[in-house]
Protein backbone atom coordinates (compact mmCIF):
# COMPACT_ATOMS: atom_id res chain seq x y z
CA MET A 1 200.14 115.76 108.37
CA TYR A 2 202.20 113.14 110.22
CA PHE A 3 199.71 113.37 113.08
CA THR A 4 196.83 112.76 110.68
CA LEU A 5 198.69 109.96 108.92
CA TYR A 6 199.78 108.02 111.98
CA GLY A 7 196.99 109.01 114.35
CA TYR A 8 193.66 109.53 112.62
CA ASN A 9 194.11 107.26 109.60
CA THR A 10 195.35 104.37 111.72
CA VAL A 11 192.45 104.63 114.15
CA PHE A 12 189.97 105.02 111.27
CA GLN A 13 191.32 101.89 109.55
CA ALA A 14 191.36 99.90 112.81
CA ARG A 15 187.78 100.92 113.56
CA GLY A 16 186.70 99.70 110.14
CA LEU A 17 188.48 96.39 110.65
CA ILE A 18 186.86 95.89 114.06
CA ARG A 19 183.43 96.75 112.63
CA ASP A 20 183.90 94.16 109.89
CA LEU A 21 185.05 91.51 112.36
CA LYS A 22 181.98 92.14 114.52
CA MET A 23 179.71 91.84 111.48
CA ASP A 24 181.43 88.60 110.53
CA GLN A 25 180.89 87.30 114.04
CA TYR A 26 177.16 87.93 113.65
CA THR A 27 177.10 86.19 110.26
CA LYS A 28 179.19 83.22 111.48
CA LEU A 29 182.13 83.73 109.11
CA PRO A 30 185.58 82.45 110.15
CA PRO A 31 187.55 85.24 111.88
CA ARG A 32 190.92 84.19 110.44
CA LEU A 33 189.61 84.27 106.88
CA THR A 34 188.04 87.67 107.51
CA PHE A 35 191.27 89.05 108.96
CA THR A 36 193.27 87.66 106.02
CA MET A 37 190.96 89.27 103.46
CA GLN A 38 191.00 92.57 105.38
CA SER A 39 194.80 92.55 105.41
CA VAL A 40 195.03 91.78 101.69
CA GLY A 41 192.48 94.49 100.93
CA ALA A 42 194.32 97.03 103.08
CA VAL A 43 197.63 96.29 101.33
CA ILE A 44 196.14 96.46 97.82
CA GLY A 45 194.16 99.60 98.69
CA GLY A 46 197.25 101.20 100.20
CA LEU A 47 199.32 100.48 97.10
CA LEU A 48 196.66 101.79 94.73
CA ASN A 49 196.13 104.93 96.79
CA TYR A 50 199.86 105.37 97.27
CA VAL A 51 200.49 105.77 93.57
CA TYR A 52 197.31 107.89 93.32
CA VAL A 53 195.75 105.65 90.66
CA ILE A 54 192.28 105.84 92.17
CA MET A 55 192.58 109.55 93.01
CA LYS A 56 193.56 110.45 89.44
CA ILE A 57 190.71 108.39 87.99
CA VAL A 58 188.12 109.98 90.29
CA ILE A 59 189.35 113.54 89.72
CA ASN A 60 189.48 113.16 85.96
CA ALA A 61 186.08 111.45 85.69
CA HIS A 62 184.16 113.58 88.20
CA ARG A 63 185.86 116.99 88.13
CA LYS A 64 182.64 118.93 87.52
CA ILE A 65 180.88 117.29 90.47
CA LEU A 66 183.88 117.82 92.76
CA LEU A 67 183.92 121.55 91.98
CA ASP A 68 180.16 121.89 92.55
CA VAL A 69 179.06 123.22 95.94
CA GLN A 70 176.30 120.65 96.31
CA GLY A 71 178.39 117.71 95.13
CA SER A 72 177.15 114.14 95.17
CA ASN A 73 178.46 110.84 96.47
CA TRP A 74 181.80 111.83 94.85
CA SER A 75 182.58 114.51 97.41
CA GLY A 76 186.02 116.02 97.79
CA GLN A 77 185.52 116.38 101.55
CA GLN A 78 188.39 114.11 102.60
CA VAL A 79 190.88 115.87 100.33
CA GLN A 80 189.77 119.26 101.64
CA THR A 81 190.13 117.95 105.19
CA PHE A 82 193.76 117.02 104.57
CA ASP A 83 194.37 120.43 103.02
CA ALA A 84 192.80 122.22 105.99
CA ASP A 85 194.75 120.03 108.44
CA ALA A 86 197.99 120.84 106.66
CA VAL A 87 197.35 124.56 106.91
CA THR A 88 196.08 124.41 110.50
CA TRP A 89 198.79 122.18 111.93
CA GLY A 90 201.61 123.34 109.69
CA ALA A 91 201.34 127.06 109.10
CA LEU A 92 199.11 128.12 112.00
CA GLY A 93 199.82 125.40 114.57
CA ASN A 94 202.26 127.43 116.63
CA THR A 95 199.93 130.41 117.07
CA ILE A 96 196.69 128.48 117.57
CA TYR A 97 197.64 125.50 119.72
CA THR A 98 200.26 126.95 122.06
CA PRO A 99 199.34 127.95 125.63
CA ASN A 100 199.26 131.60 124.54
CA GLY A 101 197.03 130.74 121.56
CA ARG A 102 193.28 130.35 121.43
CA TYR A 103 193.01 126.65 122.34
CA GLY A 104 196.03 125.56 124.33
CA LEU A 105 195.43 122.61 126.63
CA GLY A 106 192.03 123.68 127.92
CA ALA A 107 189.83 122.02 125.29
CA PRO A 108 189.83 118.47 126.72
CA ILE A 109 189.40 119.52 130.37
CA PRO A 110 185.53 119.51 130.40
CA PHE A 111 185.49 116.03 128.86
CA PHE A 112 188.03 114.80 131.43
CA VAL A 113 185.91 116.17 134.28
CA LEU A 114 182.79 114.49 132.87
CA HIS A 115 184.72 111.23 132.58
CA LYS A 116 185.78 111.47 136.22
CA TRP A 117 182.11 111.83 137.19
CA HIS A 118 181.44 108.46 135.51
CA PHE A 119 179.86 110.03 132.46
CA ASP A 120 181.00 107.12 130.30
CA ALA A 121 177.73 106.41 128.50
CA VAL A 122 178.67 108.95 125.81
CA ILE A 123 181.94 108.38 123.99
CA THR A 124 182.96 111.98 123.35
CA PRO A 125 185.62 111.31 120.67
CA MET A 126 183.07 109.41 118.59
CA LEU A 127 180.43 112.08 119.24
CA SER A 128 182.81 114.84 118.17
CA TRP A 129 183.89 112.86 115.13
CA GLY A 130 180.27 112.39 114.06
CA LEU A 131 179.36 116.02 114.68
CA GLY A 132 182.24 117.08 112.47
CA TYR A 133 180.42 115.72 109.43
CA LEU A 134 177.50 118.07 110.02
CA SER A 135 179.49 121.17 109.11
CA VAL A 136 180.78 120.22 105.66
CA GLY A 137 179.44 119.94 102.15
CA ILE A 138 175.73 120.16 101.50
CA ASN A 139 174.96 119.85 105.22
CA SER A 140 176.26 123.38 105.79
CA LYS A 141 173.69 124.65 103.25
CA TYR A 142 170.90 122.86 105.11
CA ASN A 143 172.20 124.14 108.45
CA SER A 144 171.95 127.69 107.13
CA LEU A 145 168.39 127.08 105.93
CA LEU A 146 167.41 125.61 109.30
CA LEU A 147 168.96 128.58 111.11
CA ALA A 148 167.07 131.02 108.88
CA ALA A 149 163.79 129.14 109.43
CA LEU A 150 164.17 129.04 113.21
CA ASP A 151 165.18 132.70 113.32
CA GLY A 152 162.24 133.73 111.13
CA GLY A 153 159.80 131.67 113.21
CA THR A 154 161.07 133.25 116.41
CA GLN A 155 160.67 136.75 114.97
CA VAL A 156 157.10 136.00 113.87
CA MET A 157 156.19 134.66 117.33
CA VAL A 158 157.72 137.71 119.04
CA PHE A 159 155.69 139.94 116.71
CA VAL A 160 152.45 138.03 117.43
CA TYR A 161 153.12 138.06 121.19
CA THR A 162 153.86 141.77 121.16
CA LEU A 163 150.63 142.65 119.33
CA ALA A 164 148.27 140.10 120.89
CA VAL A 165 149.44 139.85 124.50
CA GLY A 166 152.29 142.21 125.29
CA GLY A 167 150.49 145.49 124.74
CA GLY A 168 151.69 146.44 121.27
CA SER A 169 148.09 147.03 120.19
CA GLY A 170 147.40 149.30 123.16
CA LYS A 171 145.91 146.74 125.55
CA VAL A 172 147.91 144.37 127.78
CA LEU A 173 146.37 140.92 128.28
CA ASN A 174 147.30 139.09 131.46
CA LEU A 175 148.15 135.46 131.00
CA PRO A 176 146.00 133.04 133.03
CA ASN A 177 147.37 131.55 136.23
CA TRP A 178 147.83 127.83 135.86
CA ALA A 179 147.82 125.24 138.60
CA LEU A 180 151.00 125.23 140.70
CA GLU A 181 152.38 128.23 138.84
CA THR A 182 154.55 130.42 140.99
CA LEU A 183 155.77 132.86 138.36
CA THR A 184 153.86 136.04 137.72
CA ILE A 185 154.23 138.13 134.61
CA ALA A 186 154.46 141.82 135.35
């Protein structure tokens, strides 16, 4: 949890501040005024969240939505992330992230090699961070539906190919030879 607190949350807050400063640059607002208001907002938000005023209000007012699988804009995803991080890094961290565990130090090696080959057009931490949102909440339900649709479509096409072309009906149809085609189907 200390890693999340001092690592992730700090970077997340700094990224938000930089995004706001860039937007203010486009809209011709004074940078010092923007920075002052961001600092005041961060302090007030930190104090309110520190004493859990906002958290208690949201949980009490939207408990039914938070417990629902589908949820809404009042999702409990961030709270569940902290809970999962606490279990992963606290209770299971020694067995998972040690050199004898499943991950060890090998996970960042492919990204380091790509970086050395000047593959800097894609910022992999931001890509990974964005992809992480695809596996939570209602998105996981839609991912399952997409997987089922693609799997079903593939099975239908294999069935049609087997009956119409592959000889499942008793007669094998040879596919036509196209221009510059070097592959032959046996």
